[in-house]
Amino acid sequence: MLKHILDGGPLMVALILCSMISLAVVFDRWQAFKNNRKIDTRSLRSKVLAHLRDNDISAAISECEEAKGPIASVILAGLRSYQHLRGKEESSETMRMVVGQVMEDYSAQAMSVVNRRLDILTTIGVAAPLLGMTGTVTGMITSFAGLESAGGIGGGGAVAGGISEAMVTTAAGLIIALFAVIPQSVFNRWSDEIELEIEEANSEIVEFILTHH
């Protein structure tokens, strides 16, 4: 394995660095999404609405504070805004607009945390094959240079070395790109699920304000 890496030439250093960064990001995001998926957000939303129907906003806020996670954080922001406006005896339409806007604004912040570092996987997914192709070009240049210096006779070793460099970097670039792009696709799907639940929670809270206040 080490011999194959060394055969790839200097560009393998950049590719190895890309692979290490990619693995670190994948592990970090996997842990974050795994922890979030442990939270029963549908049950949380049901409990929050039940507390609101009982006119107990403090209990609903406590549920969100204990649950944590992006969905709970967005609901919590909306509930605190709702509690503040209720103290001022604002109209239901005003509260609906303000609470809806607060939750929408906070959801953007929550999603930025959810999608943190995923752009790194995008960059590596694009850069790794390009580095591999660059290695292919430099390897072929080395091959032809070796063949030229040997006068076309007995230059098989130099040609083979250049081709080896070309093939190793190409293969490494494609493999590293796959190990960045595939996890990113999974994370994007999970991120979309979280965003959808946030939108549903936003609609539930706003609808409650309109129908019960």
C-alpha atoms as a PDB file:
ATOM      1  CA  MET A   1       0.000   0.000   0.000  1.00  0.00           C
ATOM      2  CA  LEU A   2       2.773   2.433   0.939  1.00  0.00           C
ATOM      3  CA  LYS A   3       4.564   1.611  -2.307  1.00  0.00           C
ATOM      4  CA  HIS A   4       1.444   2.453  -4.333  1.00  0.00           C
ATOM      5  CA  ILE A   5       1.104   5.744  -2.461  1.00  0.00           C
ATOM      6  CA  LEU A   6       4.731   6.623  -3.117  1.00  0.00           C
ATOM      7  CA  ASP A   7       4.301   5.685  -6.764  1.00  0.00           C
ATOM      8  CA  GLY A   8       1.670   8.401  -7.030  1.00  0.00           C
ATOM      9  CA  GLY A   9       4.234  11.159  -6.728  1.00  0.00           C
ATOM     10  CA  PRO A  10       4.009  14.516  -4.902  1.00  0.00           C
ATOM     11  CA  LEU A  11       0.310  15.052  -5.683  1.00  0.00           C
ATOM     12  CA  MET A  12      -0.502  12.099  -3.422  1.00  0.00           C
ATOM     13  CA  VAL A  13       0.364  14.347  -0.465  1.00  0.00           C
ATOM     14  CA  ALA A  14      -2.512  16.680  -1.401  1.00  0.00           C
ATOM     15  CA  LEU A  15      -4.822  13.732  -2.005  1.00  0.00           C
ATOM     16  CA  ILE A  16      -3.986  12.150   1.344  1.00  0.00           C
ATOM     17  CA  LEU A  17      -4.651  15.493   3.033  1.00  0.00           C
ATOM     18  CA  CYS A  18      -8.034  15.668   1.264  1.00  0.00           C
ATOM     19  CA  SER A  19      -8.902  12.165   2.433  1.00  0.00           C
ATOM     20  CA  MET A  20      -8.028  12.960   6.054  1.00  0.00           C
ATOM     21  CA  ILE A  21     -10.116  16.159   6.042  1.00  0.00           C
ATOM     22  CA  SER A  22     -13.004  14.332   4.393  1.00  0.00           C
ATOM     23  CA  LEU A  23     -12.958  11.523   6.962  1.00  0.00           C
ATOM     24  CA  ALA A  24     -12.877  14.037   9.836  1.00  0.00           C
ATOM     25  CA  VAL A  25     -15.882  15.951   8.440  1.00  0.00           C
ATOM     26  CA  VAL A  26     -17.841  12.754   7.757  1.00  0.00           C
ATOM     27  CA  PHE A  27     -17.237  11.510  11.308  1.00  0.00           C
ATOM     28  CA  ASP A  28     -18.192  14.886  12.818  1.00  0.00           C
ATOM     29  CA  ARG A  29     -21.424  15.229  10.792  1.00  0.00           C
ATOM     30  CA  TRP A  30     -22.322  11.556  11.338  1.00  0.00           C
ATOM     31  CA  GLN A  31     -22.154  12.040  15.100  1.00  0.00           C
ATOM     32  CA  ALA A  32     -24.210  15.253  14.913  1.00  0.00           C
ATOM     33  CA  PHE A  33     -26.952  13.730  12.757  1.00  0.00           C
ATOM     34  CA  LYS A  34     -26.989  10.516  14.801  1.00  0.00           C
ATOM     35  CA  ASN A  35     -27.519  12.486  18.025  1.00  0.00           C
ATOM     36  CA  ASN A  36     -30.273  14.524  16.402  1.00  0.00           C
ATOM     37  CA  ARG A  37     -32.070  11.425  15.095  1.00  0.00           C
ATOM     38  CA  LYS A  38     -32.270  10.087  18.650  1.00  0.00           C
ATOM     39  CA  ILE A  39     -34.651  12.948  19.523  1.00  0.00           C
ATOM     40  CA  ASP A  40     -38.326  12.054  19.081  1.00  0.00           C
ATOM     41  CA  THR A  41     -39.303  15.364  17.502  1.00  0.00           C
ATOM     42  CA  ARG A  42     -42.871  14.314  16.644  1.00  0.00           C
ATOM     43  CA  SER A  43     -43.494  13.456  20.275  1.00  0.00           C
ATOM     44  CA  LEU A  44     -41.936  16.777  21.279  1.00  0.00           C
ATOM     45  CA  ARG A  45     -44.259  18.705  18.961  1.00  0.00           C
ATOM     46  CA  SER A  46     -47.284  16.853  20.348  1.00  0.00           C
ATOM     47  CA  LYS A  47     -46.275  17.635  23.931  1.00  0.00           C
ATOM     48  CA  VAL A  48     -45.673  21.291  23.116  1.00  0.00           C
ATOM     49  CA  LEU A  49     -49.114  21.656  21.523  1.00  0.00           C
ATOM     50  CA  ALA A  50     -50.724  19.828  24.461  1.00  0.00           C
ATOM     51  CA  HIS A  51     -49.113  22.273  26.907  1.00  0.00           C
ATOM     52  CA  LEU A  52     -50.212  25.218  24.791  1.00  0.00           C
ATOM     53  CA  ARG A  53     -53.803  23.954  24.765  1.00  0.00           C
ATOM     54  CA  ASP A  54     -53.570  23.751  28.559  1.00  0.00           C
ATOM     55  CA  ASN A  55     -52.385  27.383  28.496  1.00  0.00           C
ATOM     56  CA  ASP A  56     -49.042  26.337  30.026  1.00  0.00           C
ATOM     57  CA  ILE A  57     -46.385  28.028  27.886  1.00  0.00           C
ATOM     58  CA  SER A  58     -43.699  27.571  30.552  1.00  0.00           C
ATOM     59  CA  ALA A  59     -44.090  23.780  30.404  1.00  0.00           C
ATOM     60  CA  ALA A  60     -43.893  23.870  26.592  1.00  0.00           C
ATOM     61  CA  ILE A  61     -40.707  25.933  26.811  1.00  0.00           C
ATOM     62  CA  SER A  62     -39.229  23.477  29.327  1.00  0.00           C
ATOM     63  CA  GLU A  63     -39.939  20.564  26.952  1.00  0.00           C
ATOM     64  CA  CYS A  64     -37.930  22.280  24.205  1.00  0.00           C
ATOM     65  CA  GLU A  65     -35.073  23.220  26.532  1.00  0.00           C
ATOM     66  CA  GLU A  66     -34.723  19.591  27.630  1.00  0.00           C
ATOM     67  CA  ALA A  67     -34.999  18.122  24.129  1.00  0.00           C
ATOM     68  CA  LYS A  68     -32.387  20.339  22.427  1.00  0.00           C
ATOM     69  CA  GLY A  69     -31.545  19.934  18.737  1.00  0.00           C
ATOM     70  CA  PRO A  70     -32.358  22.239  15.786  1.00  0.00           C
ATOM     71  CA  ILE A  71     -36.114  21.568  15.715  1.00  0.00           C
ATOM     72  CA  ALA A  72     -36.504  22.102  19.461  1.00  0.00           C
ATOM     73  CA  SER A  73     -34.432  25.299  19.209  1.00  0.00           C
ATOM     74  CA  VAL A  74     -36.671  26.777  16.511  1.00  0.00           C
ATOM     75  CA  ILE A  75     -39.846  25.906  18.447  1.00  0.00           C
ATOM     76  CA  LEU A  76     -38.270  27.363  21.579  1.00  0.00           C
ATOM     77  CA  ALA A  77     -37.567  30.671  19.809  1.00  0.00           C
ATOM     78  CA  GLY A  78     -41.191  30.831  18.658  1.00  0.00           C
ATOM     79  CA  LEU A  79     -42.566  29.992  22.102  1.00  0.00           C
ATOM     80  CA  ARG A  80     -40.488  32.643  23.835  1.00  0.00           C
ATOM     81  CA  SER A  81     -41.671  35.210  21.312  1.00  0.00           C
ATOM     82  CA  TYR A  82     -45.267  34.062  21.819  1.00  0.00           C
ATOM     83  CA  GLN A  83     -44.910  34.309  25.600  1.00  0.00           C
ATOM     84  CA  HIS A  84     -43.495  37.821  25.312  1.00  0.00           C
ATOM     85  CA  LEU A  85     -46.285  39.005  23.005  1.00  0.00           C
ATOM     86  CA  ARG A  86     -48.996  37.459  25.168  1.00  0.00           C
ATOM     87  CA  GLY A  87     -47.740  39.535  28.070  1.00  0.00           C
ATOM     88  CA  LYS A  88     -48.295  42.638  25.943  1.00  0.00           C
ATOM     89  CA  GLU A  89     -51.786  41.443  24.949  1.00  0.00           C
ATOM     90  CA  GLU A  90     -51.125  41.759  21.237  1.00  0.00           C
ATOM     91  CA  SER A  91     -53.737  40.678  18.689  1.00  0.00           C
ATOM     92  CA  SER A  92     -53.666  37.119  17.310  1.00  0.00           C
ATOM     93  CA  GLU A  93     -52.784  38.400  13.822  1.00  0.00           C
ATOM     94  CA  THR A  94     -49.814  40.381  15.153  1.00  0.00           C
ATOM     95  CA  MET A  95     -48.626  37.415  17.187  1.00  0.00           C
ATOM     96  CA  ARG A  96     -49.017  35.085  14.203  1.00  0.00           C
ATOM     97  CA  MET A  97     -46.889  37.331  11.999  1.00  0.00           C
ATOM     98  CA  VAL A  98     -44.206  38.027  14.601  1.00  0.00           C
ATOM     99  CA  VAL A  99     -43.899  34.456  15.897  1.00  0.00           C
ATOM    100  CA  GLY A 100     -43.895  33.074  12.339  1.00  0.00           C
ATOM    101  CA  GLN A 101     -41.120  35.487  11.329  1.00  0.00           C
ATOM    102  CA  VAL A 102     -39.077  34.741  14.445  1.00  0.00           C
ATOM    103  CA  MET A 103     -39.264  30.989  13.797  1.00  0.00           C
ATOM    104  CA  GLU A 104     -38.435  31.458  10.125  1.00  0.00           C
ATOM    105  CA  ASP A 105     -35.400  33.603  10.928  1.00  0.00           C
ATOM    106  CA  TYR A 106     -34.187  31.211  13.602  1.00  0.00           C
ATOM    107  CA  SER A 107     -34.713  28.204  11.329  1.00  0.00           C
ATOM    108  CA  ALA A 108     -32.169  29.704   8.914  1.00  0.00           C
ATOM    109  CA  GLN A 109     -29.618  29.826  11.743  1.00  0.00           C
ATOM    110  CA  ALA A 110     -30.502  26.299  12.862  1.00  0.00           C
ATOM    111  CA  MET A 111     -30.088  24.924   9.330  1.00  0.00           C
ATOM    112  CA  SER A 112     -26.723  26.641   8.957  1.00  0.00           C
ATOM    113  CA  VAL A 113     -25.590  24.657  12.017  1.00  0.00           C
ATOM    114  CA  VAL A 114     -27.086  21.443  10.615  1.00  0.00           C
ATOM    115  CA  ASN A 115     -25.278  21.923   7.277  1.00  0.00           C
ATOM    116  CA  ARG A 116     -22.008  23.028   8.867  1.00  0.00           C
ATOM    117  CA  ARG A 117     -18.894  21.802   7.014  1.00  0.00           C
ATOM    118  CA  LEU A 118     -20.884  19.974   4.319  1.00  0.00           C
ATOM    119  CA  ASP A 119     -19.443  22.447   1.797  1.00  0.00           C
ATOM    120  CA  ILE A 120     -16.025  20.970   2.586  1.00  0.00           C
ATOM    121  CA  LEU A 121     -17.225  17.597   1.291  1.00  0.00           C
ATOM    122  CA  THR A 122     -18.475  19.330  -1.867  1.00  0.00           C
ATOM    123  CA  THR A 123     -15.079  20.944  -2.405  1.00  0.00           C
ATOM    124  CA  ILE A 124     -13.202  17.676  -1.869  1.00  0.00           C
ATOM    125  CA  GLY A 125     -15.647  15.822  -4.130  1.00  0.00           C
ATOM    126  CA  VAL A 126     -14.740  18.235  -6.924  1.00  0.00           C
ATOM    127  CA  ALA A 127     -11.060  18.807  -6.129  1.00  0.00           C
ATOM    128  CA  ALA A 128      -9.935  15.189  -5.596  1.00  0.00           C
ATOM    129  CA  PRO A 129     -10.671  13.992  -9.164  1.00  0.00           C
ATOM    130  CA  LEU A 130      -9.061  17.146 -10.557  1.00  0.00           C
ATOM    131  CA  LEU A 131      -5.933  16.470  -8.513  1.00  0.00           C
ATOM    132  CA  GLY A 132      -6.007  12.898  -9.786  1.00  0.00           C
ATOM    133  CA  MET A 133      -6.269  14.096 -13.372  1.00  0.00           C
ATOM    134  CA  THR A 134      -3.403  16.507 -12.767  1.00  0.00           C
ATOM    135  CA  GLY A 135      -1.369  13.557 -11.520  1.00  0.00           C
ATOM    136  CA  THR A 136      -2.283  11.720 -14.721  1.00  0.00           C
ATOM    137  CA  VAL A 137      -0.967  14.584 -16.832  1.00  0.00           C
ATOM    138  CA  THR A 138       2.260  14.978 -14.834  1.00  0.00           C
ATOM    139  CA  GLY A 139       2.769  11.212 -14.906  1.00  0.00           C
ATOM    140  CA  MET A 140       2.438  11.082 -18.671  1.00  0.00           C
ATOM    141  CA  ILE A 141       4.832  14.034 -18.983  1.00  0.00           C
ATOM    142  CA  THR A 142       7.313  12.088 -16.859  1.00  0.00           C
ATOM    143  CA  SER A 143       6.804   9.042 -19.081  1.00  0.00           C
ATOM    144  CA  PHE A 144       7.503  10.897 -22.305  1.00  0.00           C
ATOM    145  CA  ALA A 145      10.416  12.780 -20.757  1.00  0.00           C
ATOM    146  CA  GLY A 146      11.958   9.463 -19.670  1.00  0.00           C
ATOM    147  CA  LEU A 147      11.395   7.977 -23.085  1.00  0.00           C
ATOM    148  CA  GLU A 148      12.979  11.006 -24.762  1.00  0.00           C
ATOM    149  CA  SER A 149      16.021  10.987 -22.490  1.00  0.00           C
ATOM    150  CA  ALA A 150      16.523   7.287 -23.203  1.00  0.00           C
ATOM    151  CA  GLY A 151      16.421   7.972 -26.917  1.00  0.00           C
ATOM    152  CA  GLY A 152      13.456   5.654 -27.317  1.00  0.00           C
ATOM    153  CA  ILE A 153      15.556   2.609 -26.475  1.00  0.00           C
ATOM    154  CA  GLY A 154      15.550   0.946 -23.071  1.00  0.00           C
ATOM    155  CA  GLY A 155      13.285   3.643 -21.652  1.00  0.00           C
ATOM    156  CA  GLY A 156      10.593   1.215 -20.636  1.00  0.00           C
ATOM    157  CA  GLY A 157      11.344   1.627 -16.918  1.00  0.00           C
ATOM    158  CA  ALA A 158      10.966   5.386 -17.011  1.00  0.00           C
ATOM    159  CA  VAL A 159       7.747   5.109 -19.030  1.00  0.00           C
ATOM    160  CA  ALA A 160       6.316   2.540 -16.625  1.00  0.00           C
ATOM    161  CA  GLY A 161       7.144   4.782 -13.651  1.00  0.00           C
ATOM    162  CA  GLY A 162       5.311   7.725 -15.180  1.00  0.00           C
ATOM    163  CA  ILE A 163       2.277   5.648 -16.106  1.00  0.00           C
ATOM    164  CA  SER A 164       2.202   4.201 -12.592  1.00  0.00           C
ATOM    165  CA  GLU A 165       2.141   7.723 -11.147  1.00  0.00           C
ATOM    166  CA  ALA A 166      -0.661   8.652 -13.548  1.00  0.00           C
ATOM    167  CA  MET A 167      -2.844   5.652 -12.677  1.00  0.00           C
ATOM    168  CA  VAL A 168      -2.330   5.805  -8.896  1.00  0.00           C
ATOM    169  CA  THR A 169      -3.268   9.483  -8.591  1.00  0.00           C
ATOM    170  CA  THR A 170      -6.303   9.043 -10.838  1.00  0.00           C
ATOM    171  CA  ALA A 171      -7.575   6.077  -8.830  1.00  0.00           C
ATOM    172  CA  ALA A 172      -6.887   7.804  -5.506  1.00  0.00           C
ATOM    173  CA  GLY A 173      -8.675  10.980  -6.617  1.00  0.00           C
ATOM    174  CA  LEU A 174     -11.788   9.074  -7.688  1.00  0.00           C
ATOM    175  CA  ILE A 175     -11.923   6.961  -4.516  1.00  0.00           C
ATOM    176  CA  ILE A 176     -11.506   9.996  -2.239  1.00  0.00           C
ATOM    177  CA  ALA A 177     -14.225  11.846  -4.183  1.00  0.00           C
ATOM    178  CA  LEU A 178     -16.613   8.906  -3.749  1.00  0.00           C
ATOM    179  CA  PHE A 179     -16.005   8.779  -0.003  1.00  0.00           C
ATOM    180  CA  ALA A 180     -16.877  12.502   0.174  1.00  0.00           C
ATOM    181  CA  VAL A 181     -19.828  12.655  -2.237  1.00  0.00           C
ATOM    182  CA  ILE A 182     -21.762   9.589  -1.015  1.00  0.00           C
ATOM    183  CA  PRO A 183     -21.858  10.609   2.696  1.00  0.00           C
ATOM    184  CA  GLN A 184     -22.711  14.165   1.648  1.00  0.00           C
ATOM    185  CA  SER A 185     -25.705  12.870  -0.294  1.00  0.00           C
ATOM    186  CA  VAL A 186     -26.941  11.014   2.797  1.00  0.00           C
ATOM    187  CA  PHE A 187     -26.363  14.056   5.030  1.00  0.00           C
ATOM    188  CA  ASN A 188     -28.238  16.298   2.569  1.00  0.00           C
ATOM    189  CA  ARG A 189     -31.239  13.970   2.708  1.00  0.00           C
ATOM    190  CA  TRP A 190     -31.210  14.014   6.511  1.00  0.00           C
ATOM    191  CA  SER A 191     -30.844  17.794   6.438  1.00  0.00           C
ATOM    192  CA  ASP A 192     -33.910  18.066   4.169  1.00  0.00           C
ATOM    193  CA  GLU A 193     -35.898  15.951   6.638  1.00  0.00           C
ATOM    194  CA  ILE A 194     -34.940  18.298   9.485  1.00  0.00           C
ATOM    195  CA  GLU A 195     -35.872  21.359   7.429  1.00  0.00           C
ATOM    196  CA  LEU A 196     -39.267  19.827   6.608  1.00  0.00           C
ATOM    197  CA  GLU A 197     -39.966  19.129  10.281  1.00  0.00           C
ATOM    198  CA  ILE A 198     -39.020  22.706  11.167  1.00  0.00           C
ATOM    199  CA  GLU A 199     -41.496  23.997   8.577  1.00  0.00           C
ATOM    200  CA  GLU A 200     -44.207  21.692   9.959  1.00  0.00           C
ATOM    201  CA  ALA A 201     -43.512  22.860  13.523  1.00  0.00           C
ATOM    202  CA  ASN A 202     -43.662  26.484  12.371  1.00  0.00           C
ATOM    203  CA  SER A 203     -47.057  25.876  10.760  1.00  0.00           C
ATOM    204  CA  GLU A 204     -48.387  24.116  13.870  1.00  0.00           C
ATOM    205  CA  ILE A 205     -47.432  26.950  16.224  1.00  0.00           C
ATOM    206  CA  VAL A 206     -48.787  29.653  13.906  1.00  0.00           C
ATOM    207  CA  GLU A 207     -52.033  27.733  13.374  1.00  0.00           C
ATOM    208  CA  PHE A 208     -52.428  27.301  17.128  1.00  0.00           C
ATOM    209  CA  ILE A 209     -52.081  31.049  17.669  1.00  0.00           C
ATOM    210  CA  LEU A 210     -54.736  31.785  15.041  1.00  0.00           C
ATOM    211  CA  THR A 211     -57.259  29.228  16.313  1.00  0.00           C
ATOM    212  CA  HIS A 212     -56.779  29.354  20.085  1.00  0.00           C
ATOM    213  CA  HIS A 213     -55.716  32.878  20.982  1.00  0.00           C
END
